């Protein structure tokens, strides 16, 4: 069974839920009995890699260079 909590309960007890989430629990937060969002632990590596700019240029690319390349695609 999924852990379902209402928004008010979540807001009033954020620290309690933070502890449980760090231990691996996930929750669906509802408002007026309708799902609002899911909160769950971040994967081990933290962030999802969308693109690895070191494959294009050793050391990566500056934000300005990335924006310039993206603008040229139009």
PDB file of N, CA and C in Angstrom:
ATOM      1  N   UNK A   1       0.842  -1.196   0.000  1.00  0.00           N
ATOM      2  CA  UNK A   1       0.000   0.000   0.000  1.00  0.00           C
ATOM      3  C   UNK A   1       0.881   1.250   0.000  1.00  0.00           C
ATOM      4  N   UNK A   2       0.478   2.217  -0.766  1.00  0.00           N
ATOM      5  CA  UNK A   2       1.240   3.465  -0.845  1.00  0.00           C
ATOM      6  C   UNK A   2       0.967   4.325   0.375  1.00  0.00           C
ATOM      7  N   UNK A   3       1.953   5.128   0.722  1.00  0.00           N
ATOM      8  CA  UNK A   3       1.802   6.082   1.816  1.00  0.00           C
ATOM      9  C   UNK A   3       1.094   7.320   1.280  1.00  0.00           C
ATOM     10  N   UNK A   4      -0.117   7.544   1.729  1.00  0.00           N
ATOM     11  CA  UNK A   4      -0.905   8.686   1.279  1.00  0.00           C
ATOM     12  C   UNK A   4      -1.151   9.594   2.471  1.00  0.00           C
ATOM     13  N   UNK A   5      -0.816  10.881   2.296  1.00  0.00           N
ATOM     14  CA  UNK A   5      -1.016  11.868   3.368  1.00  0.00           C
ATOM     15  C   UNK A   5      -1.660  13.107   2.761  1.00  0.00           C
ATOM     16  N   UNK A   6      -2.360  13.863   3.589  1.00  0.00           N
ATOM     17  CA  UNK A   6      -2.943  15.096   3.051  1.00  0.00           C
ATOM     18  C   UNK A   6      -1.950  16.248   3.215  1.00  0.00           C
ATOM     19  N   UNK A   7      -2.171  17.286   2.448  1.00  0.00           N
ATOM     20  CA  UNK A   7      -1.257  18.418   2.399  1.00  0.00           C
ATOM     21  C   UNK A   7      -1.076  19.071   3.759  1.00  0.00           C
ATOM     22  N   UNK A   8      -2.156  19.230   4.502  1.00  0.00           N
ATOM     23  CA  UNK A   8      -2.071  19.867   5.824  1.00  0.00           C
ATOM     24  C   UNK A   8      -1.173  19.052   6.750  1.00  0.00           C
ATOM     25  N   UNK A   9      -1.362  17.747   6.766  1.00  0.00           N
ATOM     26  CA  UNK A   9      -0.529  16.860   7.587  1.00  0.00           C
ATOM     27  C   UNK A   9       0.939  16.991   7.187  1.00  0.00           C
ATOM     28  N   UNK A  10       1.201  17.032   5.889  1.00  0.00           N
ATOM     29  CA  UNK A  10       2.574  17.162   5.398  1.00  0.00           C
ATOM     30  C   UNK A  10       3.192  18.484   5.844  1.00  0.00           C
ATOM     31  N   UNK A  11       2.454  19.581   5.647  1.00  0.00           N
ATOM     32  CA  UNK A  11       2.964  20.904   6.030  1.00  0.00           C
ATOM     33  C   UNK A  11       3.266  20.994   7.516  1.00  0.00           C
ATOM     34  N   UNK A  12       2.390  20.426   8.335  1.00  0.00           N
ATOM     35  CA  UNK A  12       2.547  20.527   9.782  1.00  0.00           C
ATOM     36  C   UNK A  12       3.631  19.603  10.330  1.00  0.00           C
ATOM     37  N   UNK A  13       4.053  18.626   9.543  1.00  0.00           N
ATOM     38  CA  UNK A  13       5.021  17.638  10.031  1.00  0.00           C
ATOM     39  C   UNK A  13       6.143  17.376   9.033  1.00  0.00           C
ATOM     40  N   UNK A  14       6.607  18.430   8.388  1.00  0.00           N
ATOM     41  CA  UNK A  14       7.629  18.285   7.349  1.00  0.00           C
ATOM     42  C   UNK A  14       8.862  17.565   7.884  1.00  0.00           C
ATOM     43  N   UNK A  15       9.314  17.897   9.073  1.00  0.00           N
ATOM     44  CA  UNK A  15      10.528  17.283   9.621  1.00  0.00           C
ATOM     45  C   UNK A  15      10.356  15.771   9.767  1.00  0.00           C
ATOM     46  N   UNK A  16       9.201  15.340  10.220  1.00  0.00           N
ATOM     47  CA  UNK A  16       8.925  13.912  10.377  1.00  0.00           C
ATOM     48  C   UNK A  16       9.000  13.207   9.013  1.00  0.00           C
ATOM     49  N   UNK A  17       8.390  13.814   8.004  1.00  0.00           N
ATOM     50  CA  UNK A  17       8.389  13.199   6.678  1.00  0.00           C
ATOM     51  C   UNK A  17       9.766  13.276   6.020  1.00  0.00           C
ATOM     52  N   UNK A  18      10.509  14.319   6.302  1.00  0.00           N
ATOM     53  CA  UNK A  18      11.874  14.417   5.783  1.00  0.00           C
ATOM     54  C   UNK A  18      12.704  13.232   6.277  1.00  0.00           C
ATOM     55  N   UNK A  19      12.581  12.917   7.546  1.00  0.00           N
ATOM     56  CA  UNK A  19      13.304  11.783   8.125  1.00  0.00           C
ATOM     57  C   UNK A  19      12.920  10.472   7.444  1.00  0.00           C
ATOM     58  N   UNK A  20      11.639  10.272   7.235  1.00  0.00           N
ATOM     59  CA  UNK A  20      11.173   9.035   6.597  1.00  0.00           C
ATOM     60  C   UNK A  20      11.603   8.953   5.141  1.00  0.00           C
ATOM     61  N   UNK A  21      11.596  10.086   4.445  1.00  0.00           N
ATOM     62  CA  UNK A  21      12.012  10.108   3.041  1.00  0.00           C
ATOM     63  C   UNK A  21      13.496   9.776   2.937  1.00  0.00           C
ATOM     64  N   UNK A  22      14.298  10.311   3.852  1.00  0.00           N
ATOM     65  CA  UNK A  22      15.730  10.000   3.857  1.00  0.00           C
ATOM     66  C   UNK A  22      15.969   8.509   4.073  1.00  0.00           C
ATOM     67  N   UNK A  23      15.040   7.841   4.747  1.00  0.00           N
ATOM     68  CA  UNK A  23      15.145   6.393   4.986  1.00  0.00           C
ATOM     69  C   UNK A  23      14.617   5.582   3.810  1.00  0.00           C
ATOM     70  N   UNK A  24      14.071   6.260   2.787  1.00  0.00           N
ATOM     71  CA  UNK A  24      13.627   5.570   1.589  1.00  0.00           C
ATOM     72  C   UNK A  24      12.131   5.541   1.346  1.00  0.00           C
ATOM     73  N   UNK A  25      11.337   6.078   2.252  1.00  0.00           N
ATOM     74  CA  UNK A  25       9.882   6.100   2.066  1.00  0.00           C
ATOM     75  C   UNK A  25       9.475   7.131   1.014  1.00  0.00           C
ATOM     76  N   UNK A  26       8.380   6.856   0.332  1.00  0.00           N
ATOM     77  CA  UNK A  26       7.785   7.791  -0.618  1.00  0.00           C
ATOM     78  C   UNK A  26       6.347   8.058  -0.206  1.00  0.00           C
ATOM     79  N   UNK A  27       5.837   9.221  -0.585  1.00  0.00           N
ATOM     80  CA  UNK A  27       4.483   9.597  -0.207  1.00  0.00           C
ATOM     81  C   UNK A  27       3.765  10.254  -1.372  1.00  0.00           C
ATOM     82  N   UNK A  28       2.470  10.032  -1.424  1.00  0.00           N
ATOM     83  CA  UNK A  28       1.608  10.789  -2.321  1.00  0.00           C
ATOM     84  C   UNK A  28       0.865  11.775  -1.433  1.00  0.00           C
ATOM     85  N   UNK A  29       0.983  13.051  -1.767  1.00  0.00           N
ATOM     86  CA  UNK A  29       0.344  14.109  -0.983  1.00  0.00           C
ATOM     87  C   UNK A  29      -0.942  14.512  -1.694  1.00  0.00           C
ATOM     88  N   UNK A  30      -2.027  14.549  -0.929  1.00  0.00           N
ATOM     89  CA  UNK A  30      -3.332  14.864  -1.508  1.00  0.00           C
ATOM     90  C   UNK A  30      -3.866  16.185  -0.967  1.00  0.00           C
ATOM     91  N   UNK A  31      -4.790  16.737  -1.717  1.00  0.00           N
ATOM     92  CA  UNK A  31      -5.531  17.925  -1.287  1.00  0.00           C
ATOM     93  C   UNK A  31      -6.972  17.684  -1.696  1.00  0.00           C
ATOM     94  N   UNK A  32      -7.854  17.754  -0.736  1.00  0.00           N
ATOM     95  CA  UNK A  32      -9.270  17.470  -0.970  1.00  0.00           C
ATOM     96  C   UNK A  32      -9.455  16.096  -1.631  1.00  0.00           C
ATOM     97  N   UNK A  33      -8.724  15.140  -1.113  1.00  0.00           N
ATOM     98  CA  UNK A  33      -8.790  13.730  -1.544  1.00  0.00           C
ATOM     99  C   UNK A  33      -8.308  13.481  -2.973  1.00  0.00           C
ATOM    100  N   UNK A  34      -7.642  14.452  -3.586  1.00  0.00           N
ATOM    101  CA  UNK A  34      -7.099  14.270  -4.932  1.00  0.00           C
ATOM    102  C   UNK A  34      -5.574  14.348  -4.868  1.00  0.00           C
ATOM    103  N   UNK A  35      -4.890  13.451  -5.574  1.00  0.00           N
ATOM    104  CA  UNK A  35      -3.421  13.484  -5.581  1.00  0.00           C
ATOM    105  C   UNK A  35      -2.902  14.823  -6.079  1.00  0.00           C
ATOM    106  N   UNK A  36      -1.955  15.376  -5.345  1.00  0.00           N
ATOM    107  CA  UNK A  36      -1.370  16.664  -5.693  1.00  0.00           C
ATOM    108  C   UNK A  36       0.061  16.493  -6.209  1.00  0.00           C
ATOM    109  N   UNK A  37       0.869  15.739  -5.464  1.00  0.00           N
ATOM    110  CA  UNK A  37       2.234  15.441  -5.893  1.00  0.00           C
ATOM    111  C   UNK A  37       2.772  14.239  -5.139  1.00  0.00           C
ATOM    112  N   UNK A  38       3.861  13.701  -5.656  1.00  0.00           N
ATOM    113  CA  UNK A  38       4.561  12.595  -5.011  1.00  0.00           C
ATOM    114  C   UNK A  38       5.890  13.119  -4.506  1.00  0.00           C
ATOM    115  N   UNK A  39       6.282  12.712  -3.330  1.00  0.00           N
ATOM    116  CA  UNK A  39       7.577  13.091  -2.789  1.00  0.00           C
ATOM    117  C   UNK A  39       8.323  11.803  -2.471  1.00  0.00           C
ATOM    118  N   UNK A  40       9.569  11.729  -2.942  1.00  0.00           N
ATOM    119  CA  UNK A  40      10.348  10.507  -2.763  1.00  0.00           C
ATOM    120  C   UNK A  40      11.829  10.852  -2.689  1.00  0.00           C
ATOM    121  N   UNK A  41      12.643   9.908  -2.228  1.00  0.00           N
ATOM    122  CA  UNK A  41      14.074  10.182  -2.124  1.00  0.00           C
ATOM    123  C   UNK A  41      14.708  10.393  -3.489  1.00  0.00           C
ATOM    124  N   UNK A  42      15.773  11.160  -3.510  1.00  0.00           N
ATOM    125  CA  UNK A  42      16.544  11.372  -4.729  1.00  0.00           C
ATOM    126  C   UNK A  42      17.396  10.131  -4.941  1.00  0.00           C
ATOM    127  N   UNK A  43      17.590   9.742  -6.180  1.00  0.00           N
ATOM    128  CA  UNK A  43      18.410   8.576  -6.496  1.00  0.00           C
ATOM    129  C   UNK A  43      19.817   8.748  -5.938  1.00  0.00           C
ATOM    130  N   UNK A  44      20.522   7.650  -5.810  1.00  0.00           N
ATOM    131  CA  UNK A  44      21.865   7.645  -5.227  1.00  0.00           C
ATOM    132  C   UNK A  44      22.792   8.695  -5.838  1.00  0.00           C
ATOM    133  N   UNK A  45      22.794   8.798  -7.156  1.00  0.00           N
ATOM    134  CA  UNK A  45      23.713   9.734  -7.800  1.00  0.00           C
ATOM    135  C   UNK A  45      23.221  11.175  -7.765  1.00  0.00           C
ATOM    136  N   UNK A  46      22.059  11.408  -7.209  1.00  0.00           N
ATOM    137  CA  UNK A  46      21.567  12.770  -7.011  1.00  0.00           C
ATOM    138  C   UNK A  46      20.733  13.318  -8.143  1.00  0.00           C
ATOM    139  N   UNK A  47      21.370  13.644  -9.245  1.00  0.00           N
ATOM    140  CA  UNK A  47      20.672  14.311 -10.339  1.00  0.00           C
ATOM    141  C   UNK A  47      20.713  13.449 -11.581  1.00  0.00           C
ATOM    142  N   UNK A  48      19.718  13.594 -12.398  1.00  0.00           N
ATOM    143  CA  UNK A  48      19.690  12.911 -13.684  1.00  0.00           C
ATOM    144  C   UNK A  48      20.557  13.692 -14.659  1.00  0.00           C
ATOM    145  N   UNK A  49      21.445  12.996 -15.328  1.00  0.00           N
ATOM    146  CA  UNK A  49      22.289  13.641 -16.325  1.00  0.00           C
ATOM    147  C   UNK A  49      21.504  13.758 -17.622  1.00  0.00           C
ATOM    148  N   UNK A  50      21.307  14.977 -18.069  1.00  0.00           N
ATOM    149  CA  UNK A  50      20.584  15.203 -19.309  1.00  0.00           C
ATOM    150  C   UNK A  50      21.563  15.163 -20.474  1.00  0.00           C
ATOM    151  N   UNK A  51      22.676  15.828 -20.319  1.00  0.00           N
ATOM    152  CA  UNK A  51      23.704  15.828 -21.354  1.00  0.00           C
ATOM    153  C   UNK A  51      25.058  16.059 -20.682  1.00  0.00           C
ATOM    154  N   UNK A  52      26.050  15.339 -21.127  1.00  0.00           N
ATOM    155  CA  UNK A  52      27.401  15.461 -20.585  1.00  0.00           C
ATOM    156  C   UNK A  52      28.218  16.307 -21.553  1.00  0.00           C
ATOM    157  N   UNK A  53      28.429  17.584 -21.217  1.00  0.00           N
ATOM    158  CA  UNK A  53      29.121  18.497 -22.113  1.00  0.00           C
ATOM    159  C   UNK A  53      30.612  18.212 -22.218  1.00  0.00           C
ATOM    160  N   UNK A  54      31.144  17.363 -21.330  1.00  0.00           N
ATOM    161  CA  UNK A  54      32.556  17.003 -21.455  1.00  0.00           C
ATOM    162  C   UNK A  54      32.786  16.122 -22.675  1.00  0.00           C
ATOM    163  N   UNK A  55      31.718  15.541 -23.237  1.00  0.00           N
ATOM    164  CA  UNK A  55      31.858  14.754 -24.461  1.00  0.00           C
ATOM    165  C   UNK A  55      32.077  15.659 -25.674  1.00  0.00           C
ATOM    166  N   UNK A  56      31.690  16.916 -25.566  1.00  0.00           N
ATOM    167  CA  UNK A  56      31.858  17.880 -26.661  1.00  0.00           C
ATOM    168  C   UNK A  56      33.174  18.634 -26.535  1.00  0.00           C
ATOM    169  N   UNK A  57      33.556  18.876 -25.284  1.00  0.00           N
ATOM    170  CA  UNK A  57      34.770  19.647 -25.045  1.00  0.00           C
ATOM    171  C   UNK A  57      35.329  19.257 -23.688  1.00  0.00           C
ATOM    172  N   UNK A  58      36.601  18.883 -23.646  1.00  0.00           N
ATOM    173  CA  UNK A  58      37.219  18.489 -22.389  1.00  0.00           C
ATOM    174  C   UNK A  58      37.049  19.609 -21.359  1.00  0.00           C
ATOM    175  N   UNK A  59      36.572  19.275 -20.181  1.00  0.00           N
ATOM    176  CA  UNK A  59      36.346  20.284 -19.148  1.00  0.00           C
ATOM    177  C   UNK A  59      34.956  20.899 -19.215  1.00  0.00           C
ATOM    178  N   UNK A  60      34.157  20.480 -20.203  1.00  0.00           N
ATOM    179  CA  UNK A  60      32.794  21.001 -20.321  1.00  0.00           C
ATOM    180  C   UNK A  60      32.717  22.270 -21.138  1.00  0.00           C
ATOM    181  N   UNK A  61      31.599  22.954 -21.028  1.00  0.00           N
ATOM    182  CA  UNK A  61      31.363  24.173 -21.792  1.00  0.00           C
ATOM    183  C   UNK A  61      30.775  25.231 -20.874  1.00  0.00           C
ATOM    184  N   UNK A  62      31.077  26.474 -21.141  1.00  0.00           N
ATOM    185  CA  UNK A  62      30.499  27.557 -20.360  1.00  0.00           C
ATOM    186  C   UNK A  62      29.027  27.725 -20.728  1.00  0.00           C
ATOM    187  N   UNK A  63      28.281  28.302 -19.831  1.00  0.00           N
ATOM    188  CA  UNK A  63      26.853  28.532 -20.073  1.00  0.00           C
ATOM    189  C   UNK A  63      26.668  29.419 -21.298  1.00  0.00           C
ATOM    190  N   UNK A  64      27.497  30.430 -21.437  1.00  0.00           N
ATOM    191  CA  UNK A  64      27.391  31.335 -22.588  1.00  0.00           C
ATOM    192  C   UNK A  64      27.561  30.582 -23.908  1.00  0.00           C
ATOM    193  N   UNK A  65      28.505  29.638 -23.944  1.00  0.00           N
ATOM    194  CA  UNK A  65      28.746  28.853 -25.159  1.00  0.00           C
ATOM    195  C   UNK A  65      27.549  27.953 -25.451  1.00  0.00           C
ATOM    196  N   UNK A  66      27.001  27.334 -24.413  1.00  0.00           N
ATOM    197  CA  UNK A  66      25.833  26.461 -24.590  1.00  0.00           C
ATOM    198  C   UNK A  66      24.662  27.255 -25.146  1.00  0.00           C
ATOM    199  N   UNK A  67      24.414  28.440 -24.589  1.00  0.00           N
ATOM    200  CA  UNK A  67      23.300  29.280 -25.046  1.00  0.00           C
ATOM    201  C   UNK A  67      23.524  29.689 -26.505  1.00  0.00           C
ATOM    202  N   UNK A  68      24.741  30.042 -26.834  1.00  0.00           N
ATOM    203  CA  UNK A  68      25.053  30.447 -28.208  1.00  0.00           C
ATOM    204  C   UNK A  68      24.783  29.309 -29.186  1.00  0.00           C
ATOM    205  N   UNK A  69      25.197  28.098 -28.828  1.00  0.00           N
ATOM    206  CA  UNK A  69      24.964  26.929 -29.699  1.00  0.00           C
ATOM    207  C   UNK A  69      23.463  26.670 -29.819  1.00  0.00           C
ATOM    208  N   UNK A  70      22.745  26.728 -28.724  1.00  0.00           N
ATOM    209  CA  UNK A  70      21.302  26.481 -28.756  1.00  0.00           C
ATOM    210  C   UNK A  70      20.557  27.518 -29.595  1.00  0.00           C
ATOM    211  N   UNK A  71      20.967  28.781 -29.507  1.00  0.00           N
ATOM    212  CA  UNK A  71      20.358  29.838 -30.308  1.00  0.00           C
ATOM    213  C   UNK A  71      20.600  29.639 -31.803  1.00  0.00           C
ATOM    214  N   UNK A  72      21.735  29.054 -32.127  1.00  0.00           N
ATOM    215  CA  UNK A  72      22.057  28.852 -33.544  1.00  0.00           C
ATOM    216  C   UNK A  72      21.245  27.716 -34.161  1.00  0.00           C
ATOM    217  N   UNK A  73      20.567  26.933 -33.354  1.00  0.00           N
ATOM    218  CA  UNK A  73      19.765  25.836 -33.866  1.00  0.00           C
ATOM    219  C   UNK A  73      18.438  26.282 -34.432  1.00  0.00           C
ATOM    220  N   UNK A  74      18.025  27.493 -34.159  1.00  0.00           N
ATOM    221  CA  UNK A  74      16.730  27.988 -34.657  1.00  0.00           C
ATOM    222  C   UNK A  74      16.710  28.157 -36.115  1.00  0.00           C
TER     223      UNK A  74
END
